[in-house]
N, C-alpha and C. Protein backbone atom coordinates (compact mmCIF):
# COMPACT_ATOMS: atom_id res chain seq x y z
N UNK A 1 7.17 11.96 6.50
CA UNK A 1 5.76 12.20 6.29
C UNK A 1 5.31 11.67 4.93
N UNK A 2 6.22 11.69 3.91
CA UNK A 2 5.84 11.18 2.59
C UNK A 2 5.52 9.70 2.68
N UNK A 3 6.30 8.98 3.48
CA UNK A 3 6.05 7.55 3.64
C UNK A 3 4.69 7.34 4.29
N UNK A 4 4.38 8.19 5.27
CA UNK A 4 3.08 8.10 5.94
C UNK A 4 1.96 8.33 4.94
N UNK A 5 2.08 9.38 4.14
CA UNK A 5 1.06 9.65 3.14
C UNK A 5 0.96 8.49 2.16
N UNK A 6 2.09 7.92 1.82
CA UNK A 6 2.11 6.82 0.87
C UNK A 6 1.37 5.62 1.44
N UNK A 7 1.60 5.28 2.69
CA UNK A 7 0.94 4.14 3.31
C UNK A 7 -0.56 4.38 3.43
N UNK A 8 -0.95 5.59 3.81
CA UNK A 8 -2.38 5.90 3.90
C UNK A 8 -3.03 5.81 2.54
N UNK A 9 -2.36 6.36 1.56
CA UNK A 9 -2.92 6.33 0.22
C UNK A 9 -3.02 4.89 -0.26
N UNK A 10 -2.01 4.06 0.07
CA UNK A 10 -2.03 2.67 -0.35
C UNK A 10 -3.25 1.97 0.23
N UNK A 11 -3.58 2.28 1.49
CA UNK A 11 -4.76 1.68 2.11
C UNK A 11 -6.03 2.12 1.37
N UNK A 12 -6.08 3.41 0.99
CA UNK A 12 -7.23 3.91 0.24
C UNK A 12 -7.32 3.23 -1.11
N UNK A 13 -6.17 3.04 -1.74
CA UNK A 13 -6.14 2.39 -3.05
C UNK A 13 -6.59 0.94 -2.93
N UNK A 14 -6.15 0.24 -1.88
CA UNK A 14 -6.57 -1.14 -1.67
C UNK A 14 -8.09 -1.21 -1.54
N UNK A 15 -8.66 -0.27 -0.79
CA UNK A 15 -10.12 -0.22 -0.63
C UNK A 15 -10.78 0.05 -1.97
N UNK A 16 -10.20 0.98 -2.74
CA UNK A 16 -10.76 1.32 -4.04
C UNK A 16 -10.73 0.12 -4.98
N UNK A 17 -9.64 -0.65 -4.95
CA UNK A 17 -9.54 -1.84 -5.80
C UNK A 17 -10.61 -2.86 -5.39
N UNK A 18 -10.78 -3.06 -4.09
CA UNK A 18 -11.80 -4.00 -3.62
C UNK A 18 -13.19 -3.57 -4.08
N UNK A 19 -13.46 -2.25 -3.97
CA UNK A 19 -14.75 -1.75 -4.42
C UNK A 19 -14.90 -1.92 -5.92
N UNK A 20 -13.83 -1.68 -6.65
CA UNK A 20 -13.85 -1.82 -8.10
C UNK A 20 -14.13 -3.27 -8.49
N UNK A 21 -13.43 -4.19 -7.84
CA UNK A 21 -13.64 -5.60 -8.14
C UNK A 21 -15.08 -6.00 -7.82
N UNK A 22 -15.62 -5.52 -6.71
CA UNK A 22 -17.00 -5.83 -6.35
C UNK A 22 -17.94 -5.26 -7.41
N UNK A 23 -17.67 -4.04 -7.85
CA UNK A 23 -18.50 -3.41 -8.87
C UNK A 23 -18.47 -4.18 -10.18
N UNK A 24 -17.30 -4.67 -10.55
CA UNK A 24 -17.18 -5.43 -11.80
C UNK A 24 -17.95 -6.74 -11.68
N UNK A 25 -17.83 -7.40 -10.54
CA UNK A 25 -18.58 -8.64 -10.34
C UNK A 25 -20.08 -8.39 -10.39
N UNK A 26 -20.50 -7.28 -9.78
CA UNK A 26 -21.92 -6.93 -9.82
C UNK A 26 -22.36 -6.66 -11.26
N UNK A 27 -21.50 -6.00 -12.00
CA UNK A 27 -21.84 -5.70 -13.39
C UNK A 27 -21.90 -6.98 -14.23
N UNK A 28 -21.00 -7.91 -13.94
CA UNK A 28 -21.05 -9.17 -14.66
C UNK A 28 -22.35 -9.91 -14.35
N UNK A 29 -22.75 -9.92 -13.09
CA UNK A 29 -24.01 -10.57 -12.71
C UNK A 29 -25.18 -9.84 -13.37
N UNK A 30 -25.09 -8.52 -13.39
CA UNK A 30 -26.14 -7.72 -14.02
C UNK A 30 -26.22 -8.05 -15.52
N UNK A 31 -25.09 -8.13 -16.15
CA UNK A 31 -25.04 -8.44 -17.57
C UNK A 31 -25.65 -9.83 -17.83
N UNK A 32 -25.32 -10.80 -16.98
CA UNK A 32 -25.88 -12.14 -17.15
C UNK A 32 -27.40 -12.12 -16.97
N UNK A 33 -27.87 -11.32 -16.04
CA UNK A 33 -29.33 -11.21 -15.84
C UNK A 33 -29.99 -10.64 -17.09
N UNK A 34 -29.36 -9.67 -17.70
CA UNK A 34 -29.89 -9.09 -18.94
C UNK A 34 -29.92 -10.16 -20.03
N UNK A 35 -28.87 -10.94 -20.11
CA UNK A 35 -28.83 -11.99 -21.12
C UNK A 35 -29.95 -13.02 -20.90
N UNK A 36 -30.20 -13.34 -19.63
CA UNK A 36 -31.30 -14.27 -19.34
C UNK A 36 -32.64 -13.68 -19.77
N UNK A 37 -32.80 -12.37 -19.53
CA UNK A 37 -34.04 -11.71 -19.95
C UNK A 37 -34.22 -11.81 -21.47
N UNK A 38 -33.11 -11.60 -22.16
CA UNK A 38 -33.19 -11.66 -23.63
C UNK A 38 -33.50 -13.08 -24.13
N UNK A 39 -33.03 -14.08 -23.37
CA UNK A 39 -33.21 -15.46 -23.80
C UNK A 39 -34.63 -15.97 -23.52
N UNK A 40 -35.31 -15.35 -22.60
CA UNK A 40 -36.67 -15.79 -22.29
C UNK A 40 -37.57 -15.55 -23.51
N UNK A 41 -38.39 -16.53 -23.73
CA UNK A 41 -39.26 -16.41 -24.90
C UNK A 41 -40.73 -16.43 -24.51
N UNK A 42 -41.04 -15.63 -23.50
CA UNK A 42 -42.46 -15.58 -23.14
C UNK A 42 -43.19 -14.66 -24.11
N UNK A 43 -44.48 -14.70 -24.07
CA UNK A 43 -45.32 -14.04 -25.05
C UNK A 43 -45.45 -12.54 -24.81
N UNK A 44 -44.92 -12.06 -23.71
CA UNK A 44 -45.05 -10.62 -23.44
C UNK A 44 -44.32 -9.80 -24.47
N UNK A 45 -44.53 -8.57 -24.40
CA UNK A 45 -44.02 -7.61 -25.37
C UNK A 45 -42.51 -7.69 -25.52
N UNK A 46 -42.09 -8.26 -26.65
CA UNK A 46 -40.66 -8.39 -26.93
C UNK A 46 -40.03 -7.01 -27.09
N UNK A 47 -40.76 -6.11 -27.68
CA UNK A 47 -40.21 -4.76 -27.88
C UNK A 47 -39.97 -4.07 -26.54
N UNK A 48 -40.90 -4.17 -25.62
CA UNK A 48 -40.76 -3.57 -24.30
C UNK A 48 -39.60 -4.22 -23.55
N UNK A 49 -39.52 -5.52 -23.65
CA UNK A 49 -38.43 -6.25 -23.00
C UNK A 49 -37.08 -5.80 -23.55
N UNK A 50 -37.00 -5.65 -24.85
CA UNK A 50 -35.74 -5.22 -25.47
C UNK A 50 -35.37 -3.80 -25.05
N UNK A 51 -36.37 -2.92 -24.99
CA UNK A 51 -36.09 -1.55 -24.56
C UNK A 51 -35.53 -1.54 -23.14
N UNK A 52 -36.17 -2.32 -22.26
CA UNK A 52 -35.71 -2.38 -20.86
C UNK A 52 -34.30 -2.97 -20.80
N UNK A 53 -34.06 -4.02 -21.53
CA UNK A 53 -32.73 -4.65 -21.54
C UNK A 53 -31.68 -3.67 -22.08
N UNK A 54 -32.04 -2.95 -23.13
CA UNK A 54 -31.10 -1.97 -23.68
C UNK A 54 -30.78 -0.87 -22.68
N UNK A 55 -31.80 -0.42 -21.94
CA UNK A 55 -31.55 0.60 -20.90
C UNK A 55 -30.62 0.04 -19.83
N UNK A 56 -30.90 -1.20 -19.40
CA UNK A 56 -30.07 -1.81 -18.37
C UNK A 56 -28.64 -2.04 -18.88
N UNK A 57 -28.53 -2.45 -20.11
CA UNK A 57 -27.20 -2.66 -20.69
C UNK A 57 -26.45 -1.34 -20.80
N UNK A 58 -27.13 -0.29 -21.20
CA UNK A 58 -26.49 1.03 -21.28
C UNK A 58 -26.03 1.48 -19.90
N UNK A 59 -26.86 1.24 -18.89
CA UNK A 59 -26.48 1.59 -17.51
C UNK A 59 -25.27 0.76 -17.07
N UNK A 60 -25.29 -0.53 -17.41
CA UNK A 60 -24.16 -1.40 -17.06
C UNK A 60 -22.89 -0.91 -17.73
N UNK A 61 -22.99 -0.51 -18.99
CA UNK A 61 -21.81 0.00 -19.71
C UNK A 61 -21.30 1.30 -19.08
N UNK A 62 -22.22 2.18 -18.67
CA UNK A 62 -21.79 3.42 -18.01
C UNK A 62 -21.06 3.10 -16.70
N UNK A 63 -21.59 2.15 -15.95
CA UNK A 63 -20.96 1.77 -14.69
C UNK A 63 -19.59 1.15 -14.93
N UNK A 64 -19.48 0.31 -15.93
CA UNK A 64 -18.19 -0.31 -16.26
C UNK A 64 -17.18 0.77 -16.65
N UNK A 65 -17.60 1.72 -17.44
CA UNK A 65 -16.70 2.82 -17.84
C UNK A 65 -16.24 3.62 -16.61
N UNK A 66 -17.15 3.85 -15.68
CA UNK A 66 -16.78 4.56 -14.44
C UNK A 66 -15.77 3.74 -13.64
N UNK A 67 -15.96 2.41 -13.61
CA UNK A 67 -15.02 1.54 -12.90
C UNK A 67 -13.65 1.56 -13.57
N UNK A 68 -13.62 1.62 -14.89
CA UNK A 68 -12.34 1.70 -15.61
C UNK A 68 -11.61 2.97 -15.23
N UNK A 69 -12.34 4.08 -15.08
CA UNK A 69 -11.72 5.34 -14.66
C UNK A 69 -11.12 5.19 -13.27
N UNK A 70 -11.85 4.53 -12.37
CA UNK A 70 -11.36 4.31 -11.01
C UNK A 70 -10.08 3.48 -11.03
N UNK A 71 -10.05 2.45 -11.84
CA UNK A 71 -8.86 1.60 -11.95
C UNK A 71 -7.69 2.42 -12.49
N UNK A 72 -7.93 3.26 -13.49
CA UNK A 72 -6.85 4.09 -14.03
C UNK A 72 -6.34 5.07 -12.99
N UNK A 73 -7.23 5.64 -12.19
CA UNK A 73 -6.81 6.55 -11.12
C UNK A 73 -5.97 5.79 -10.10
N UNK A 74 -6.38 4.59 -9.76
CA UNK A 74 -5.62 3.77 -8.83
C UNK A 74 -4.22 3.50 -9.38
N UNK A 75 -4.13 3.15 -10.64
CA UNK A 75 -2.83 2.85 -11.25
C UNK A 75 -1.92 4.08 -11.20
N UNK A 76 -2.47 5.25 -11.49
CA UNK A 76 -1.67 6.48 -11.42
C UNK A 76 -1.17 6.74 -10.01
N UNK A 77 -2.06 6.58 -9.04
CA UNK A 77 -1.68 6.82 -7.63
C UNK A 77 -0.67 5.78 -7.17
N UNK A 78 -0.83 4.54 -7.61
CA UNK A 78 0.14 3.50 -7.24
C UNK A 78 1.52 3.86 -7.77
N UNK A 79 1.59 4.38 -8.99
CA UNK A 79 2.86 4.79 -9.58
C UNK A 79 3.46 5.94 -8.76
N UNK A 80 2.62 6.89 -8.35
CA UNK A 80 3.10 8.00 -7.51
C UNK A 80 3.64 7.47 -6.18
N UNK A 81 2.95 6.49 -5.60
CA UNK A 81 3.41 5.91 -4.33
C UNK A 81 4.73 5.18 -4.50
N UNK A 82 4.90 4.50 -5.63
CA UNK A 82 6.17 3.82 -5.89
C UNK A 82 7.30 4.84 -5.96
N UNK A 83 7.04 5.98 -6.56
CA UNK A 83 8.07 7.02 -6.65
C UNK A 83 8.41 7.55 -5.25
N UNK A 84 7.39 7.77 -4.43
CA UNK A 84 7.62 8.23 -3.05
C UNK A 84 8.45 7.20 -2.29
N UNK A 85 8.10 5.93 -2.43
CA UNK A 85 8.84 4.88 -1.75
C UNK A 85 10.28 4.80 -2.26
N UNK A 86 10.47 4.92 -3.56
CA UNK A 86 11.83 4.89 -4.13
C UNK A 86 12.65 6.05 -3.59
N UNK A 87 12.05 7.21 -3.47
CA UNK A 87 12.75 8.38 -2.91
C UNK A 87 13.12 8.12 -1.45
N UNK A 88 12.21 7.53 -0.70
CA UNK A 88 12.47 7.22 0.70
C UNK A 88 13.62 6.21 0.83
N UNK A 89 13.61 5.19 -0.03
CA UNK A 89 14.68 4.18 -0.02
C UNK A 89 16.02 4.84 -0.31
N UNK A 90 16.06 5.73 -1.30
CA UNK A 90 17.30 6.43 -1.63
C UNK A 90 17.79 7.25 -0.44
N UNK A 91 16.88 7.91 0.25
CA UNK A 91 17.26 8.70 1.44
C UNK A 91 17.82 7.80 2.52
N UNK A 92 17.18 6.67 2.76
CA UNK A 92 17.67 5.74 3.78
C UNK A 92 19.06 5.22 3.44
N UNK A 93 19.29 4.91 2.19
CA UNK A 93 20.60 4.42 1.77
C UNK A 93 21.65 5.52 1.89
N UNK A 94 21.26 6.76 1.60
CA UNK A 94 22.20 7.88 1.73
C UNK A 94 22.62 8.06 3.19
N UNK A 95 21.65 8.01 4.11
CA UNK A 95 21.97 8.15 5.53
C UNK A 95 22.81 6.96 6.02
N UNK A 96 22.53 5.77 5.53
CA UNK A 96 23.33 4.61 5.91
C UNK A 96 24.77 4.79 5.44
N UNK A 97 24.95 5.24 4.21
CA UNK A 97 26.30 5.46 3.67
C UNK A 97 27.02 6.53 4.47
N UNK A 98 26.31 7.60 4.83
CA UNK A 98 26.91 8.66 5.63
C UNK A 98 27.36 8.12 6.98
N UNK A 99 26.52 7.31 7.61
CA UNK A 99 26.88 6.72 8.90
C UNK A 99 28.10 5.81 8.77
N UNK A 100 28.16 5.04 7.70
CA UNK A 100 29.32 4.17 7.48
C UNK A 100 30.58 5.01 7.31
N UNK A 101 30.50 6.07 6.52
CA UNK A 101 31.68 6.93 6.33
C UNK A 101 32.13 7.55 7.64
N UNK A 102 31.21 8.05 8.45
CA UNK A 102 31.58 8.63 9.75
C UNK A 102 32.18 7.57 10.66
N UNK A 103 31.60 6.39 10.66
CA UNK A 103 32.12 5.30 11.49
C UNK A 103 33.53 4.91 11.09
N UNK A 104 33.78 4.82 9.79
CA UNK A 104 35.12 4.47 9.30
C UNK A 104 36.12 5.53 9.74
N UNK A 105 35.70 6.82 9.67
CA UNK A 105 36.58 7.91 10.12
C UNK A 105 36.91 7.77 11.60
N UNK A 106 36.04 7.14 12.37
CA UNK A 106 36.28 6.93 13.81
C UNK A 106 37.00 5.61 14.06
N UNK A 107 37.38 4.91 13.00
CA UNK A 107 38.15 3.69 13.15
C UNK A 107 37.31 2.44 13.35
N UNK A 108 36.04 2.50 13.03
CA UNK A 108 35.15 1.35 13.19
C UNK A 108 35.08 0.57 11.88
N UNK A 109 34.74 -0.72 12.00
CA UNK A 109 34.54 -1.56 10.82
C UNK A 109 33.12 -1.42 10.29
N UNK A 110 32.95 -1.71 9.02
CA UNK A 110 31.64 -1.58 8.38
C UNK A 110 30.60 -2.45 9.07
N UNK A 111 30.93 -3.71 9.35
CA UNK A 111 29.97 -4.60 10.01
C UNK A 111 29.56 -4.06 11.38
N UNK A 112 30.52 -3.52 12.11
CA UNK A 112 30.23 -2.95 13.43
C UNK A 112 29.28 -1.76 13.30
N UNK A 113 29.50 -0.94 12.30
CA UNK A 113 28.66 0.23 12.08
C UNK A 113 27.23 -0.19 11.72
N UNK A 114 27.12 -1.16 10.83
CA UNK A 114 25.80 -1.65 10.41
C UNK A 114 25.07 -2.24 11.61
N UNK A 115 25.77 -3.01 12.43
CA UNK A 115 25.15 -3.60 13.63
C UNK A 115 24.66 -2.50 14.57
N UNK A 116 25.45 -1.45 14.73
CA UNK A 116 25.04 -0.33 15.58
C UNK A 116 23.78 0.34 15.01
N UNK A 117 23.73 0.48 13.70
CA UNK A 117 22.56 1.07 13.06
C UNK A 117 21.32 0.24 13.27
N UNK A 118 21.47 -1.08 13.14
CA UNK A 118 20.34 -1.98 13.37
C UNK A 118 19.89 -1.90 14.82
N UNK A 119 20.84 -1.80 15.75
CA UNK A 119 20.49 -1.68 17.16
C UNK A 119 19.86 -0.33 17.47
N UNK A 120 20.19 0.69 16.71
CA UNK A 120 19.60 2.02 16.94
C UNK A 120 18.10 2.00 16.62
N UNK A 121 17.69 1.06 15.82
CA UNK A 121 16.28 0.95 15.44
C UNK A 121 15.38 0.80 16.68
N UNK A 122 15.84 0.02 17.68
CA UNK A 122 15.02 -0.18 18.87
C UNK A 122 14.87 1.13 19.64
N UNK A 123 15.91 1.99 19.61
CA UNK A 123 15.80 3.30 20.27
C UNK A 123 14.71 4.13 19.59
N UNK A 124 14.65 4.05 18.28
CA UNK A 124 13.61 4.78 17.53
C UNK A 124 12.23 4.25 17.93
N UNK A 125 12.11 2.94 17.97
CA UNK A 125 10.82 2.32 18.28
C UNK A 125 10.39 2.56 19.72
N UNK A 126 11.35 2.62 20.63
CA UNK A 126 11.02 2.80 22.05
C UNK A 126 11.05 4.27 22.47
N UNK A 127 11.27 5.18 21.52
CA UNK A 127 11.21 6.61 21.81
C UNK A 127 12.36 7.12 22.67
N UNK A 128 13.56 6.55 22.50
CA UNK A 128 14.71 6.92 23.34
C UNK A 128 15.54 8.06 22.76
N UNK A 129 15.26 8.49 21.54
CA UNK A 129 16.04 9.56 20.91
C UNK A 129 15.54 10.93 21.38
N UNK A 130 16.38 11.94 21.19
CA UNK A 130 16.03 13.32 21.56
C UNK A 130 14.77 13.72 20.79
N UNK A 131 13.69 14.08 21.49
CA UNK A 131 12.43 14.44 20.80
C UNK A 131 12.59 15.59 19.81
N UNK A 132 13.55 16.47 20.05
CA UNK A 132 13.77 17.60 19.13
C UNK A 132 14.26 17.13 17.76
N UNK A 133 14.85 15.95 17.70
CA UNK A 133 15.34 15.42 16.42
C UNK A 133 14.21 14.82 15.58
N UNK A 134 13.08 14.54 16.22
CA UNK A 134 11.91 13.94 15.56
C UNK A 134 12.28 12.63 14.84
N UNK A 135 13.11 11.82 15.52
CA UNK A 135 13.52 10.54 14.95
C UNK A 135 12.89 9.35 15.67
N UNK A 136 12.05 9.60 16.66
CA UNK A 136 11.33 8.52 17.33
C UNK A 136 10.09 8.17 16.53
N UNK A 137 9.68 6.93 16.64
CA UNK A 137 8.54 6.45 15.85
C UNK A 137 7.27 7.23 16.15
N UNK A 138 7.12 7.71 17.38
CA UNK A 138 5.89 8.40 17.74
C UNK A 138 5.75 9.76 17.06
N UNK A 139 6.80 10.23 16.38
CA UNK A 139 6.67 11.48 15.63
C UNK A 139 6.02 11.26 14.27
N UNK A 140 5.72 10.01 13.96
CA UNK A 140 5.06 9.65 12.71
C UNK A 140 3.81 8.84 13.03
N UNK A 141 2.63 9.48 13.07
CA UNK A 141 1.41 8.76 13.46
C UNK A 141 1.17 7.49 12.66
N UNK A 142 1.45 7.53 11.38
CA UNK A 142 1.20 6.34 10.56
C UNK A 142 2.12 5.21 10.98
N UNK A 143 3.42 5.48 11.07
CA UNK A 143 4.38 4.43 11.44
C UNK A 143 4.14 3.97 12.88
N UNK A 144 3.72 4.88 13.72
CA UNK A 144 3.45 4.54 15.12
C UNK A 144 2.38 3.45 15.24
N UNK A 145 1.48 3.39 14.26
CA UNK A 145 0.45 2.35 14.25
C UNK A 145 1.05 0.94 14.18
N UNK A 146 2.27 0.83 13.68
CA UNK A 146 2.93 -0.46 13.49
C UNK A 146 4.02 -0.71 14.53
N UNK A 147 4.10 0.15 15.51
CA UNK A 147 5.18 0.12 16.51
C UNK A 147 5.34 -1.26 17.15
N UNK A 148 4.28 -1.83 17.69
CA UNK A 148 4.38 -3.11 18.39
C UNK A 148 4.88 -4.22 17.47
N UNK A 149 4.36 -4.25 16.27
CA UNK A 149 4.80 -5.28 15.31
C UNK A 149 6.27 -5.07 14.94
N UNK A 150 6.67 -3.81 14.75
CA UNK A 150 8.07 -3.52 14.41
C UNK A 150 9.01 -3.90 15.55
N UNK A 151 8.59 -3.67 16.78
CA UNK A 151 9.42 -4.06 17.93
C UNK A 151 9.58 -5.58 17.97
N UNK A 152 8.49 -6.30 17.77
CA UNK A 152 8.56 -7.77 17.77
C UNK A 152 9.47 -8.26 16.65
N UNK A 153 9.34 -7.67 15.47
CA UNK A 153 10.20 -8.05 14.34
C UNK A 153 11.67 -7.74 14.64
N UNK A 154 11.92 -6.59 15.28
CA UNK A 154 13.30 -6.21 15.62
C UNK A 154 13.93 -7.29 16.51
N UNK A 155 13.22 -7.70 17.55
CA UNK A 155 13.78 -8.69 18.48
C UNK A 155 14.00 -10.03 17.77
N UNK A 156 13.11 -10.40 16.90
CA UNK A 156 13.27 -11.64 16.13
C UNK A 156 14.50 -11.55 15.23
N UNK A 157 14.64 -10.44 14.50
CA UNK A 157 15.79 -10.26 13.61
C UNK A 157 17.10 -10.20 14.39
N UNK A 158 17.08 -9.56 15.56
CA UNK A 158 18.27 -9.46 16.40
C UNK A 158 18.70 -10.85 16.85
N UNK A 159 17.75 -11.68 17.28
CA UNK A 159 18.06 -13.04 17.69
C UNK A 159 18.65 -13.84 16.53
N UNK A 160 18.11 -13.65 15.34
CA UNK A 160 18.63 -14.34 14.16
C UNK A 160 20.06 -13.90 13.84
N UNK A 161 20.32 -12.59 13.96
CA UNK A 161 21.69 -12.08 13.70
C UNK A 161 22.66 -12.66 14.71
N UNK A 162 22.26 -12.72 15.96
CA UNK A 162 23.14 -13.25 17.01
C UNK A 162 23.39 -14.74 16.81
N UNK A 163 22.37 -15.46 16.38
CA UNK A 163 22.52 -16.89 16.14
C UNK A 163 23.50 -17.15 14.99
N UNK A 164 23.48 -16.30 13.98
CA UNK A 164 24.41 -16.45 12.85
C UNK A 164 25.86 -16.21 13.27
N UNK A 165 26.06 -15.34 14.25
CA UNK A 165 27.40 -15.02 14.72
C UNK A 165 28.02 -16.19 15.49
N UNK A 166 27.18 -17.03 16.08
CA UNK A 166 27.70 -18.12 16.92
C UNK A 166 28.03 -19.33 16.13
């Protein structure tokens, strides 16, 4: 579930970055418009023009500061997501090591065990495991969204592994 939350949050962060970038571009355009106003030398009230430009510049600065806060929040969340992903990777490696140790105890070779683990992935993707174990992809709504792509990638990787063996 942590991986699911991490992926969802990553999508939210990507959207936030896009919005932030759009806001910064808008602010840059706004700032350039203010500069053009200042450069105009028409006979109208220079004092009024300066007051308006100063208000707009102050508003632009407030918006830029708000965008900086959004970027900082994104950076913090990205760091949290990296930690979640690192924890997930460590768990996956621990389970792989455990499987290798059990396989060796049963007289199997490491390569054979790893191949069996890779082949077990299709069972997860196709929902062939005991539902009570909650190890099928459909027990994770977020990961289930990628099921078809993961199945296609599995078959491609399997074909590549078999080709290397020949």
